[in-house]
Amino acid sequence: MKQKFFQISLLLIFSVLISIGIATFNSYFVNFIWKSFYPFKGIQEYYTLFYSYPIIVGLFFTFLEPQKYGLLPAKTFEYWKVCLMWFLIIIIPILTYLKNVDSTPFHGMSWQVFILAPIGEEIIFRGAFYTWIYQTLSDILEGNKENNILDEINKTRKEFLTISKIKQIGQVIKMENEESFNDNKISIVFITILFSSLSFGFWHTPNIFVNPSYTLFQINYTIILGLVLGYLRYKTKSIYICIIIHCSINFLATVS
């Protein structure tokens, strides 16, 4: 139990550090490319390069298995009512908030902020990170299940049990595994959504060098948003609705 807790804690630390690392590297790498090869280009070209990089990184790790990483519609249309409900739950309070403020730090920014940025971030966090965290948690929490089954089978062989006794043991093992699977499944999904949300929130940490007063709010807000988007990713097996909601939020922030 302690070992699993330690492994899960390390997973959280690594996922957050990797998130911050990618975001920081993105800033330095894009600035280097910009100064080296495009010194005379305008700000629009810079935004395009800056917000395209996460898309390229995300697709590099996900495009070979699009279904696995949520790059296909999957169950999006099947759960359209759930998607619409959460879309309204998120958007309506944001509209109410924006009416009461003069502007946001993203006011007046160009299309890259509400098109390229959400697509890249969703591919990375609801696509790559979500799947990686889910698989790792499954290995941690369910890794010994098959070994336990084999151990029980070997025991029955060594003890020369009757056929009825073997069947009885098999049914018990099956029931225990099903219950364990259901419990582990809930835990894995919950922790995956939580960890991917935290990673998504701390992805915005480098913004502290640009707008320190707004960054703390942005981190907290994106963690909360990530919980909802993570749930929709789990429900629909797709990042499509996540991209739509994310694009809508960023669009409202730029026009407010």
C-alpha atoms as a PDB file:
ATOM      1  CA  MET A   1       0.000   0.000   0.000  1.00  0.00           C
ATOM      2  CA  LYS A   2       2.796   2.420   0.935  1.00  0.00           C
ATOM      3  CA  GLN A   3       4.634   1.539  -2.250  1.00  0.00           C
ATOM      4  CA  LYS A   4       1.568   2.304  -4.381  1.00  0.00           C
ATOM      5  CA  PHE A   5       1.035   5.616  -2.571  1.00  0.00           C
ATOM      6  CA  PHE A   6       4.675   6.505  -3.190  1.00  0.00           C
ATOM      7  CA  GLN A   7       4.400   5.600  -6.880  1.00  0.00           C
ATOM      8  CA  ILE A   8       1.212   7.633  -7.317  1.00  0.00           C
ATOM      9  CA  SER A   9       2.825  10.612  -5.551  1.00  0.00           C
ATOM     10  CA  LEU A  10       5.801  10.392  -7.906  1.00  0.00           C
ATOM     11  CA  LEU A  11       3.417  10.272 -10.858  1.00  0.00           C
ATOM     12  CA  LEU A  12       1.812  13.537  -9.728  1.00  0.00           C
ATOM     13  CA  ILE A  13       5.173  15.229  -9.231  1.00  0.00           C
ATOM     14  CA  PHE A  14       6.485  14.059 -12.604  1.00  0.00           C
ATOM     15  CA  SER A  15       3.330  15.056 -14.476  1.00  0.00           C
ATOM     16  CA  VAL A  16       3.381  18.576 -13.005  1.00  0.00           C
ATOM     17  CA  LEU A  17       7.134  19.006 -13.574  1.00  0.00           C
ATOM     18  CA  ILE A  18       6.883  17.736 -17.143  1.00  0.00           C
ATOM     19  CA  SER A  19       4.035  20.154 -17.774  1.00  0.00           C
ATOM     20  CA  ILE A  20       5.981  23.139 -16.448  1.00  0.00           C
ATOM     21  CA  GLY A  21       9.077  21.944 -18.307  1.00  0.00           C
ATOM     22  CA  ILE A  22       7.320  21.733 -21.663  1.00  0.00           C
ATOM     23  CA  ALA A  23       5.763  25.175 -21.189  1.00  0.00           C
ATOM     24  CA  THR A  24       9.087  26.741 -20.206  1.00  0.00           C
ATOM     25  CA  PHE A  25      10.957  25.031 -23.035  1.00  0.00           C
ATOM     26  CA  ASN A  26       8.250  26.192 -25.440  1.00  0.00           C
ATOM     27  CA  SER A  27       8.870  29.833 -24.503  1.00  0.00           C
ATOM     28  CA  TYR A  28      12.655  29.651 -24.789  1.00  0.00           C
ATOM     29  CA  PHE A  29      12.671  27.464 -27.889  1.00  0.00           C
ATOM     30  CA  VAL A  30      10.176  29.588 -29.804  1.00  0.00           C
ATOM     31  CA  ASN A  31      12.005  32.786 -28.844  1.00  0.00           C
ATOM     32  CA  PHE A  32      15.267  31.244 -30.050  1.00  0.00           C
ATOM     33  CA  ILE A  33      13.745  30.179 -33.377  1.00  0.00           C
ATOM     34  CA  TRP A  34      12.095  33.557 -33.745  1.00  0.00           C
ATOM     35  CA  LYS A  35      15.236  35.583 -33.146  1.00  0.00           C
ATOM     36  CA  SER A  36      17.386  33.270 -35.274  1.00  0.00           C
ATOM     37  CA  PHE A  37      15.191  32.836 -38.355  1.00  0.00           C
ATOM     38  CA  TYR A  38      12.336  35.356 -38.260  1.00  0.00           C
ATOM     39  CA  PRO A  39      13.760  38.564 -36.743  1.00  0.00           C
ATOM     40  CA  PHE A  40      11.879  40.823 -39.156  1.00  0.00           C
ATOM     41  CA  LYS A  41       8.459  39.192 -38.928  1.00  0.00           C
ATOM     42  CA  GLY A  42       5.491  40.721 -37.092  1.00  0.00           C
ATOM     43  CA  ILE A  43       3.727  39.780 -33.878  1.00  0.00           C
ATOM     44  CA  GLN A  44       1.075  37.743 -35.712  1.00  0.00           C
ATOM     45  CA  GLU A  45       3.678  35.388 -37.091  1.00  0.00           C
ATOM     46  CA  TYR A  46       5.222  35.091 -33.623  1.00  0.00           C
ATOM     47  CA  TYR A  47       1.865  34.103 -32.091  1.00  0.00           C
ATOM     48  CA  THR A  48       1.339  31.537 -34.834  1.00  0.00           C
ATOM     49  CA  LEU A  49       4.728  29.956 -34.163  1.00  0.00           C
ATOM     50  CA  PHE A  50       4.333  30.134 -30.371  1.00  0.00           C
ATOM     51  CA  TYR A  51       0.901  28.496 -30.234  1.00  0.00           C
ATOM     52  CA  SER A  52       1.604  25.965 -32.997  1.00  0.00           C
ATOM     53  CA  TYR A  53       4.463  24.372 -31.069  1.00  0.00           C
ATOM     54  CA  PRO A  54       2.219  22.618 -28.473  1.00  0.00           C
ATOM     55  CA  ILE A  55       0.100  21.208 -31.314  1.00  0.00           C
ATOM     56  CA  ILE A  56       3.199  19.742 -32.953  1.00  0.00           C
ATOM     57  CA  VAL A  57       4.428  18.297 -29.638  1.00  0.00           C
ATOM     58  CA  GLY A  58       1.019  16.849 -28.816  1.00  0.00           C
ATOM     59  CA  LEU A  59       0.499  15.258 -32.218  1.00  0.00           C
ATOM     60  CA  PHE A  60       4.008  13.804 -32.154  1.00  0.00           C
ATOM     61  CA  PHE A  61       2.998  11.603 -29.209  1.00  0.00           C
ATOM     62  CA  THR A  62      -0.603  10.889 -30.216  1.00  0.00           C
ATOM     63  CA  PHE A  63      -1.202  10.804 -33.972  1.00  0.00           C
ATOM     64  CA  LEU A  64      -0.257   7.127 -34.434  1.00  0.00           C
ATOM     65  CA  GLU A  65      -3.066   6.035 -32.086  1.00  0.00           C
ATOM     66  CA  PRO A  66      -5.824   8.647 -32.507  1.00  0.00           C
ATOM     67  CA  GLN A  67      -8.585   6.618 -30.857  1.00  0.00           C
ATOM     68  CA  LYS A  68      -6.482   5.824 -27.810  1.00  0.00           C
ATOM     69  CA  TYR A  69      -5.640   9.495 -27.269  1.00  0.00           C
ATOM     70  CA  GLY A  70      -9.135  10.836 -27.917  1.00  0.00           C
ATOM     71  CA  LEU A  71      -8.435  12.382 -31.310  1.00  0.00           C
ATOM     72  CA  LEU A  72     -11.589  10.846 -32.824  1.00  0.00           C
ATOM     73  CA  PRO A  73     -15.208  11.873 -32.074  1.00  0.00           C
ATOM     74  CA  ALA A  74     -15.898   8.531 -30.300  1.00  0.00           C
ATOM     75  CA  LYS A  75     -18.948   9.045 -28.047  1.00  0.00           C
ATOM     76  CA  THR A  76     -19.169  12.831 -28.394  1.00  0.00           C
ATOM     77  CA  PHE A  77     -22.471  12.746 -30.288  1.00  0.00           C
ATOM     78  CA  GLU A  78     -23.851   9.991 -28.078  1.00  0.00           C
ATOM     79  CA  TYR A  79     -23.413  12.233 -25.024  1.00  0.00           C
ATOM     80  CA  TRP A  80     -24.293  15.520 -26.733  1.00  0.00           C
ATOM     81  CA  LYS A  81     -26.787  16.428 -23.994  1.00  0.00           C
ATOM     82  CA  VAL A  82     -24.134  16.035 -21.303  1.00  0.00           C
ATOM     83  CA  CYS A  83     -21.705  18.063 -23.409  1.00  0.00           C
ATOM     84  CA  LEU A  84     -24.259  20.822 -23.954  1.00  0.00           C
ATOM     85  CA  MET A  85     -25.136  20.939 -20.267  1.00  0.00           C
ATOM     86  CA  TRP A  86     -21.526  21.365 -19.175  1.00  0.00           C
ATOM     87  CA  PHE A  87     -20.893  23.846 -21.970  1.00  0.00           C
ATOM     88  CA  LEU A  88     -23.669  26.065 -20.604  1.00  0.00           C
ATOM     89  CA  ILE A  89     -22.598  25.508 -16.991  1.00  0.00           C
ATOM     90  CA  ILE A  90     -19.126  26.806 -17.855  1.00  0.00           C
ATOM     91  CA  ILE A  91     -19.944  29.536 -20.368  1.00  0.00           C
ATOM     92  CA  ILE A  92     -22.855  31.278 -18.605  1.00  0.00           C
ATOM     93  CA  PRO A  93     -20.886  32.145 -15.415  1.00  0.00           C
ATOM     94  CA  ILE A  94     -17.988  33.351 -17.570  1.00  0.00           C
ATOM     95  CA  LEU A  95     -20.303  35.646 -19.526  1.00  0.00           C
ATOM     96  CA  THR A  96     -21.684  36.971 -16.246  1.00  0.00           C
ATOM     97  CA  TYR A  97     -18.182  37.580 -14.907  1.00  0.00           C
ATOM     98  CA  LEU A  98     -16.983  39.315 -18.068  1.00  0.00           C
ATOM     99  CA  LYS A  99     -19.875  41.759 -17.925  1.00  0.00           C
ATOM    100  CA  ASN A 100     -18.597  42.996 -14.569  1.00  0.00           C
ATOM    101  CA  VAL A 101     -14.966  43.553 -15.557  1.00  0.00           C
ATOM    102  CA  ASP A 102     -13.431  46.113 -17.862  1.00  0.00           C
ATOM    103  CA  SER A 103     -11.247  43.630 -19.731  1.00  0.00           C
ATOM    104  CA  THR A 104      -9.050  40.552 -19.410  1.00  0.00           C
ATOM    105  CA  PRO A 105      -5.289  40.282 -20.028  1.00  0.00           C
ATOM    106  CA  PHE A 106      -6.182  38.549 -23.314  1.00  0.00           C
ATOM    107  CA  HIS A 107      -8.384  41.359 -24.584  1.00  0.00           C
ATOM    108  CA  GLY A 108      -7.658  42.220 -28.194  1.00  0.00           C
ATOM    109  CA  MET A 109      -5.363  39.273 -28.796  1.00  0.00           C
ATOM    110  CA  SER A 110      -5.546  37.539 -32.151  1.00  0.00           C
ATOM    111  CA  TRP A 111      -7.135  34.321 -33.392  1.00  0.00           C
ATOM    112  CA  GLN A 112      -4.169  32.171 -32.383  1.00  0.00           C
ATOM    113  CA  VAL A 113      -5.168  32.523 -28.719  1.00  0.00           C
ATOM    114  CA  PHE A 114      -8.639  31.065 -29.178  1.00  0.00           C
ATOM    115  CA  ILE A 115      -7.880  28.582 -31.976  1.00  0.00           C
ATOM    116  CA  LEU A 116      -4.311  27.288 -31.840  1.00  0.00           C
ATOM    117  CA  ALA A 117      -3.753  27.537 -28.071  1.00  0.00           C
ATOM    118  CA  PRO A 118      -6.824  25.482 -27.029  1.00  0.00           C
ATOM    119  CA  ILE A 119      -6.199  22.819 -29.673  1.00  0.00           C
ATOM    120  CA  GLY A 120      -2.583  22.355 -28.594  1.00  0.00           C
ATOM    121  CA  GLU A 121      -3.366  22.294 -24.889  1.00  0.00           C
ATOM    122  CA  GLU A 122      -6.219  19.814 -25.274  1.00  0.00           C
ATOM    123  CA  ILE A 123      -4.123  17.456 -27.400  1.00  0.00           C
ATOM    124  CA  ILE A 124      -1.419  17.546 -24.728  1.00  0.00           C
ATOM    125  CA  PHE A 125      -3.491  17.397 -21.537  1.00  0.00           C
ATOM    126  CA  ARG A 126      -6.743  15.639 -22.421  1.00  0.00           C
ATOM    127  CA  GLY A 127      -4.962  13.580 -25.053  1.00  0.00           C
ATOM    128  CA  ALA A 128      -1.372  12.662 -24.168  1.00  0.00           C
ATOM    129  CA  PHE A 129      -1.246  13.422 -20.429  1.00  0.00           C
ATOM    130  CA  TYR A 130      -4.660  11.937 -19.666  1.00  0.00           C
ATOM    131  CA  THR A 131      -3.829   8.669 -21.442  1.00  0.00           C
ATOM    132  CA  TRP A 132      -0.329   8.407 -19.993  1.00  0.00           C
ATOM    133  CA  ILE A 133      -1.540   9.033 -16.427  1.00  0.00           C
ATOM    134  CA  TYR A 134      -4.427   6.580 -16.862  1.00  0.00           C
ATOM    135  CA  GLN A 135      -2.150   3.821 -18.152  1.00  0.00           C
ATOM    136  CA  THR A 136       0.443   4.379 -15.442  1.00  0.00           C
ATOM    137  CA  LEU A 137      -2.189   4.304 -12.692  1.00  0.00           C
ATOM    138  CA  SER A 138      -3.634   1.117 -14.169  1.00  0.00           C
ATOM    139  CA  ASP A 139      -0.201  -0.502 -14.001  1.00  0.00           C
ATOM    140  CA  ILE A 140       0.248   0.621 -10.393  1.00  0.00           C
ATOM    141  CA  LEU A 141      -3.191  -0.364  -9.077  1.00  0.00           C
ATOM    142  CA  GLU A 142      -3.926  -3.422 -11.215  1.00  0.00           C
ATOM    143  CA  GLY A 143      -0.491  -4.721 -12.095  1.00  0.00           C
ATOM    144  CA  ASN A 144      -0.624  -7.790  -9.847  1.00  0.00           C
ATOM    145  CA  LYS A 145      -4.146  -8.939 -10.747  1.00  0.00           C
ATOM    146  CA  GLU A 146      -3.114 -11.465 -13.404  1.00  0.00           C
ATOM    147  CA  ASN A 147      -0.370 -12.854 -11.164  1.00  0.00           C
ATOM    148  CA  ASN A 148      -2.896 -13.424  -8.380  1.00  0.00           C
ATOM    149  CA  ILE A 149      -5.137 -15.422 -10.723  1.00  0.00           C
ATOM    150  CA  LEU A 150      -2.228 -17.607 -11.847  1.00  0.00           C
ATOM    151  CA  ASP A 151      -1.216 -18.210  -8.227  1.00  0.00           C
ATOM    152  CA  GLU A 152      -4.696 -19.440  -7.356  1.00  0.00           C
ATOM    153  CA  ILE A 153      -4.768 -21.767 -10.372  1.00  0.00           C
ATOM    154  CA  ASN A 154      -1.387 -23.243  -9.434  1.00  0.00           C
ATOM    155  CA  LYS A 155      -2.599 -23.817  -5.886  1.00  0.00           C
ATOM    156  CA  THR A 156      -5.593 -25.793  -7.105  1.00  0.00           C
ATOM    157  CA  ARG A 157      -3.362 -27.973  -9.263  1.00  0.00           C
ATOM    158  CA  LYS A 158      -0.973 -28.738  -6.438  1.00  0.00           C
ATOM    159  CA  GLU A 159      -3.765 -29.620  -3.999  1.00  0.00           C
ATOM    160  CA  PHE A 160      -5.517 -31.960  -6.493  1.00  0.00           C
ATOM    161  CA  LEU A 161      -8.911 -30.431  -5.769  1.00  0.00           C
ATOM    162  CA  THR A 162     -12.127 -31.741  -7.246  1.00  0.00           C
ATOM    163  CA  ILE A 163     -13.637 -30.171 -10.348  1.00  0.00           C
ATOM    164  CA  SER A 164     -16.489 -28.655  -8.336  1.00  0.00           C
ATOM    165  CA  LYS A 165     -14.040 -27.147  -5.863  1.00  0.00           C
ATOM    166  CA  ILE A 166     -11.963 -25.681  -8.674  1.00  0.00           C
ATOM    167  CA  LYS A 167     -15.081 -24.128 -10.215  1.00  0.00           C
ATOM    168  CA  GLN A 168     -16.071 -22.723  -6.844  1.00  0.00           C
ATOM    169  CA  ILE A 169     -12.659 -21.133  -6.367  1.00  0.00           C
ATOM    170  CA  GLY A 170     -12.798 -19.796  -9.920  1.00  0.00           C
ATOM    171  CA  GLN A 171     -16.134 -18.096  -9.251  1.00  0.00           C
ATOM    172  CA  VAL A 172     -14.808 -16.532  -6.050  1.00  0.00           C
ATOM    173  CA  ILE A 173     -11.716 -15.247  -7.836  1.00  0.00           C
ATOM    174  CA  LYS A 174     -13.877 -13.841 -10.635  1.00  0.00           C
ATOM    175  CA  MET A 175     -16.164 -12.008  -8.204  1.00  0.00           C
ATOM    176  CA  GLU A 176     -13.236 -10.602  -6.242  1.00  0.00           C
ATOM    177  CA  ASN A 177     -11.518  -9.422  -9.408  1.00  0.00           C
ATOM    178  CA  GLU A 178     -14.694  -7.775 -10.712  1.00  0.00           C
ATOM    179  CA  GLU A 179     -15.208  -5.915  -7.440  1.00  0.00           C
ATOM    180  CA  SER A 180     -11.554  -4.945  -7.336  1.00  0.00           C
ATOM    181  CA  PHE A 181     -11.698  -3.813 -10.945  1.00  0.00           C
ATOM    182  CA  ASN A 182     -14.735  -1.620 -10.321  1.00  0.00           C
ATOM    183  CA  ASP A 183     -13.126  -0.008  -7.265  1.00  0.00           C
ATOM    184  CA  ASN A 184      -9.823   0.485  -9.058  1.00  0.00           C
ATOM    185  CA  LYS A 185     -11.583   1.822 -12.145  1.00  0.00           C
ATOM    186  CA  ILE A 186     -13.252   4.601 -10.163  1.00  0.00           C
ATOM    187  CA  SER A 187      -9.986   5.457  -8.417  1.00  0.00           C
ATOM    188  CA  ILE A 188      -8.012   5.453 -11.652  1.00  0.00           C
ATOM    189  CA  VAL A 189     -10.469   7.705 -13.485  1.00  0.00           C
ATOM    190  CA  PHE A 190     -10.737  10.148 -10.570  1.00  0.00           C
ATOM    191  CA  ILE A 191      -6.972  10.413 -10.037  1.00  0.00           C
ATOM    192  CA  THR A 192      -6.363  10.689 -13.790  1.00  0.00           C
ATOM    193  CA  ILE A 193      -8.761  13.614 -14.089  1.00  0.00           C
ATOM    194  CA  LEU A 194      -7.262  15.272 -10.999  1.00  0.00           C
ATOM    195  CA  PHE A 195      -3.620  14.833 -12.023  1.00  0.00           C
ATOM    196  CA  SER A 196      -4.188  15.923 -15.628  1.00  0.00           C
ATOM    197  CA  SER A 197      -6.054  18.992 -14.313  1.00  0.00           C
ATOM    198  CA  LEU A 198      -3.221  19.918 -11.965  1.00  0.00           C
ATOM    199  CA  SER A 199      -0.723  19.486 -14.804  1.00  0.00           C
ATOM    200  CA  PHE A 200      -2.892  21.699 -16.997  1.00  0.00           C
ATOM    201  CA  GLY A 201      -3.087  24.376 -14.325  1.00  0.00           C
ATOM    202  CA  PHE A 202       0.649  24.458 -13.628  1.00  0.00           C
ATOM    203  CA  TRP A 203       1.309  24.548 -17.384  1.00  0.00           C
ATOM    204  CA  HIS A 204       0.483  28.266 -17.074  1.00  0.00           C
ATOM    205  CA  THR A 205       3.163  28.855 -14.407  1.00  0.00           C
ATOM    206  CA  PRO A 206       5.661  30.510 -16.822  1.00  0.00           C
ATOM    207  CA  ASN A 207       3.065  33.257 -17.382  1.00  0.00           C
ATOM    208  CA  ILE A 208       4.177  34.656 -14.047  1.00  0.00           C
ATOM    209  CA  PHE A 209       7.032  36.341 -15.896  1.00  0.00           C
ATOM    210  CA  VAL A 210       4.538  38.119 -18.150  1.00  0.00           C
ATOM    211  CA  ASN A 211       1.616  38.873 -15.860  1.00  0.00           C
ATOM    212  CA  PRO A 212       2.346  37.937 -12.210  1.00  0.00           C
ATOM    213  CA  SER A 213      -0.868  39.355 -10.760  1.00  0.00           C
ATOM    214  CA  TYR A 214      -3.090  37.317 -13.081  1.00  0.00           C
ATOM    215  CA  THR A 215      -1.120  34.047 -13.169  1.00  0.00           C
ATOM    216  CA  LEU A 216      -2.230  32.715  -9.766  1.00  0.00           C
ATOM    217  CA  PHE A 217      -5.873  33.210 -10.712  1.00  0.00           C
ATOM    218  CA  GLN A 218      -5.239  31.601 -14.093  1.00  0.00           C
ATOM    219  CA  ILE A 219      -3.612  28.522 -12.519  1.00  0.00           C
ATOM    220  CA  ASN A 220      -6.495  28.003 -10.090  1.00  0.00           C
ATOM    221  CA  TYR A 221      -9.121  28.602 -12.742  1.00  0.00           C
ATOM    222  CA  THR A 222      -7.556  26.248 -15.279  1.00  0.00           C
ATOM    223  CA  ILE A 223      -7.278  23.497 -12.655  1.00  0.00           C
ATOM    224  CA  ILE A 224     -11.027  23.760 -12.029  1.00  0.00           C
ATOM    225  CA  LEU A 225     -11.718  23.922 -15.759  1.00  0.00           C
ATOM    226  CA  GLY A 226      -9.474  20.894 -16.248  1.00  0.00           C
ATOM    227  CA  LEU A 227     -11.618  18.841 -13.871  1.00  0.00           C
ATOM    228  CA  VAL A 228     -14.692  19.443 -16.022  1.00  0.00           C
ATOM    229  CA  LEU A 229     -12.856  18.872 -19.289  1.00  0.00           C
ATOM    230  CA  GLY A 230     -11.266  15.729 -17.860  1.00  0.00           C
ATOM    231  CA  TYR A 231     -14.707  14.388 -16.945  1.00  0.00           C
ATOM    232  CA  LEU A 232     -15.974  15.089 -20.471  1.00  0.00           C
ATOM    233  CA  ARG A 233     -12.874  13.398 -21.893  1.00  0.00           C
ATOM    234  CA  TYR A 234     -13.686  10.329 -19.820  1.00  0.00           C
ATOM    235  CA  LYS A 235     -17.374  10.393 -20.710  1.00  0.00           C
ATOM    236  CA  THR A 236     -17.018  10.911 -24.462  1.00  0.00           C
ATOM    237  CA  LYS A 237     -13.631   9.175 -24.966  1.00  0.00           C
ATOM    238  CA  SER A 238     -12.734  12.198 -27.070  1.00  0.00           C
ATOM    239  CA  ILE A 239     -11.152  15.642 -26.787  1.00  0.00           C
ATOM    240  CA  TYR A 240     -13.566  17.251 -29.280  1.00  0.00           C
ATOM    241  CA  ILE A 241     -15.956  18.834 -26.779  1.00  0.00           C
ATOM    242  CA  CYS A 242     -12.960  19.866 -24.669  1.00  0.00           C
ATOM    243  CA  ILE A 243     -11.543  21.792 -27.626  1.00  0.00           C
ATOM    244  CA  ILE A 244     -14.902  23.443 -28.347  1.00  0.00           C
ATOM    245  CA  ILE A 245     -15.355  24.616 -24.750  1.00  0.00           C
ATOM    246  CA  HIS A 246     -11.740  25.734 -24.458  1.00  0.00           C
ATOM    247  CA  CYS A 247     -11.896  27.681 -27.730  1.00  0.00           C
ATOM    248  CA  SER A 248     -15.129  29.351 -26.627  1.00  0.00           C
ATOM    249  CA  ILE A 249     -13.654  30.463 -23.292  1.00  0.00           C
ATOM    250  CA  ASN A 250     -10.512  31.882 -24.897  1.00  0.00           C
ATOM    251  CA  PHE A 251     -12.612  33.625 -27.549  1.00  0.00           C
ATOM    252  CA  LEU A 252     -14.735  35.340 -24.899  1.00  0.00           C
ATOM    253  CA  ALA A 253     -11.572  36.404 -23.068  1.00  0.00           C
ATOM    254  CA  THR A 254     -10.160  38.044 -26.200  1.00  0.00           C
ATOM    255  CA  VAL A 255     -13.305  39.979 -27.152  1.00  0.00           C
ATOM    256  CA  SER A 256     -14.335  41.093 -23.660  1.00  0.00           C
END
